[in-house]
Amino acid sequence: MTYGTALFLIGVGAIMRFAVHASTSGFSIHTAGTILMIIGVVGLVLSVLWAAAFARRRDALLERPVVRERRERW
């Protein structure tokens, strides 16, 4: 899940939870909004952790010296 998707889910969930004043039978819009917000927050946290782990790995790869053998042509 990307940052944009997570923020979208949080936004839609917040609208469903706090801005919608409709009632239905057998389905709670407010509960669905809360679930979407939780999924969005979990996705955002996982995205941040994934990006941090990838950045550390990338930095470690960039710091490693590259040694190449020179091939002589005869």
C-alpha atoms as a PDB file:
ATOM      1  CA  MET A   1       0.000   0.000   0.000  1.00  0.00           C
ATOM      2  CA  THR A   2       1.385   3.405  -0.909  1.00  0.00           C
ATOM      3  CA  TYR A   3       1.198   6.643   1.020  1.00  0.00           C
ATOM      4  CA  GLY A   4      -1.531   7.961  -1.245  1.00  0.00           C
ATOM      5  CA  THR A   5      -3.723   4.901  -0.868  1.00  0.00           C
ATOM      6  CA  ALA A   6      -3.350   4.942   2.907  1.00  0.00           C
ATOM      7  CA  LEU A   7      -4.213   8.643   3.117  1.00  0.00           C
ATOM      8  CA  PHE A   8      -7.185   8.103   0.813  1.00  0.00           C
ATOM      9  CA  LEU A   9      -8.530   5.331   3.051  1.00  0.00           C
ATOM     10  CA  ILE A  10      -8.067   7.489   6.133  1.00  0.00           C
ATOM     11  CA  GLY A  11      -9.905  10.369   4.439  1.00  0.00           C
ATOM     12  CA  VAL A  12     -12.820   8.264   3.195  1.00  0.00           C
ATOM     13  CA  GLY A  13     -13.085   6.566   6.582  1.00  0.00           C
ATOM     14  CA  ALA A  14     -13.136   9.902   8.391  1.00  0.00           C
ATOM     15  CA  ILE A  15     -15.873  11.198   6.096  1.00  0.00           C
ATOM     16  CA  MET A  16     -17.931   8.058   6.633  1.00  0.00           C
ATOM     17  CA  ARG A  17     -17.375   8.169  10.400  1.00  0.00           C
ATOM     18  CA  PHE A  18     -17.834  11.856  11.171  1.00  0.00           C
ATOM     19  CA  ALA A  19     -19.648  13.543   8.261  1.00  0.00           C
ATOM     20  CA  VAL A  20     -22.320  11.072   7.161  1.00  0.00           C
ATOM     21  CA  HIS A  21     -25.539  11.276   9.169  1.00  0.00           C
ATOM     22  CA  ALA A  22     -27.480   8.457   7.525  1.00  0.00           C
ATOM     23  CA  SER A  23     -28.785   5.339   9.178  1.00  0.00           C
ATOM     24  CA  THR A  24     -29.229   1.949   7.598  1.00  0.00           C
ATOM     25  CA  SER A  25     -30.504  -1.359   8.831  1.00  0.00           C
ATOM     26  CA  GLY A  26     -27.982  -4.182   9.020  1.00  0.00           C
ATOM     27  CA  PHE A  27     -25.002  -2.006   8.079  1.00  0.00           C
ATOM     28  CA  SER A  28     -23.300   0.659  10.165  1.00  0.00           C
ATOM     29  CA  ILE A  29     -21.698   3.388   8.062  1.00  0.00           C
ATOM     30  CA  HIS A  30     -19.871   4.694  11.128  1.00  0.00           C
ATOM     31  CA  THR A  31     -18.322   1.307  11.879  1.00  0.00           C
ATOM     32  CA  ALA A  32     -17.246   0.893   8.259  1.00  0.00           C
ATOM     33  CA  GLY A  33     -15.635   4.338   8.412  1.00  0.00           C
ATOM     34  CA  THR A  34     -13.757   3.417  11.561  1.00  0.00           C
ATOM     35  CA  ILE A  35     -12.530   0.186   9.947  1.00  0.00           C
ATOM     36  CA  LEU A  36     -11.325   2.085   6.866  1.00  0.00           C
ATOM     37  CA  MET A  37      -9.463   4.583   9.043  1.00  0.00           C
ATOM     38  CA  ILE A  38      -7.758   1.758  10.964  1.00  0.00           C
ATOM     39  CA  ILE A  39      -6.764  -0.004   7.733  1.00  0.00           C
ATOM     40  CA  GLY A  40      -5.412   3.289   6.376  1.00  0.00           C
ATOM     41  CA  VAL A  41      -3.331   3.956   9.501  1.00  0.00           C
ATOM     42  CA  VAL A  42      -1.921   0.416   9.480  1.00  0.00           C
ATOM     43  CA  GLY A  43      -1.093   0.765   5.777  1.00  0.00           C
ATOM     44  CA  LEU A  44       0.581   4.122   6.370  1.00  0.00           C
ATOM     45  CA  VAL A  45       2.718   2.714   9.194  1.00  0.00           C
ATOM     46  CA  LEU A  46       3.722  -0.288   7.079  1.00  0.00           C
ATOM     47  CA  SER A  47       4.588   1.994   4.143  1.00  0.00           C
ATOM     48  CA  VAL A  48       6.804   4.158   6.339  1.00  0.00           C
ATOM     49  CA  LEU A  49       8.556   1.099   7.799  1.00  0.00           C
ATOM     50  CA  TRP A  50       9.027  -0.410   4.334  1.00  0.00           C
ATOM     51  CA  ALA A  51      10.463   2.858   2.979  1.00  0.00           C
ATOM     52  CA  ALA A  52      12.828   3.183   5.958  1.00  0.00           C
ATOM     53  CA  ALA A  53      14.088  -0.379   5.542  1.00  0.00           C
ATOM     54  CA  PHE A  54      14.607   0.140   1.811  1.00  0.00           C
ATOM     55  CA  ALA A  55      16.454   3.423   2.416  1.00  0.00           C
ATOM     56  CA  ARG A  56      18.848   1.746   4.864  1.00  0.00           C
ATOM     57  CA  ARG A  57      19.464  -1.066   2.406  1.00  0.00           C
ATOM     58  CA  ARG A  58      20.025   1.390  -0.439  1.00  0.00           C
ATOM     59  CA  ASP A  59      22.457   3.444   1.667  1.00  0.00           C
ATOM     60  CA  ALA A  60      24.376   0.316   2.606  1.00  0.00           C
ATOM     61  CA  LEU A  61      24.668  -0.641  -1.052  1.00  0.00           C
ATOM     62  CA  LEU A  62      25.850   2.833  -2.034  1.00  0.00           C
ATOM     63  CA  GLU A  63      28.570   2.912   0.642  1.00  0.00           C
ATOM     64  CA  ARG A  64      30.106  -0.381  -0.488  1.00  0.00           C
ATOM     65  CA  PRO A  65      33.083   0.224  -2.780  1.00  0.00           C
ATOM     66  CA  VAL A  66      32.928  -1.168  -6.251  1.00  0.00           C
ATOM     67  CA  VAL A  67      36.051  -3.019  -7.324  1.00  0.00           C
ATOM     68  CA  ARG A  68      36.444  -3.976 -10.933  1.00  0.00           C
ATOM     69  CA  GLU A  69      39.297  -5.811 -12.489  1.00  0.00           C
ATOM     70  CA  ARG A  70      40.850  -4.231 -15.485  1.00  0.00           C
ATOM     71  CA  ARG A  71      41.088  -6.467 -18.481  1.00  0.00           C
ATOM     72  CA  GLU A  72      44.068  -5.982 -20.737  1.00  0.00           C
ATOM     73  CA  ARG A  73      43.558  -6.271 -24.456  1.00  0.00           C
ATOM     74  CA  TRP A  74      46.357  -7.885 -26.417  1.00  0.00           C
END
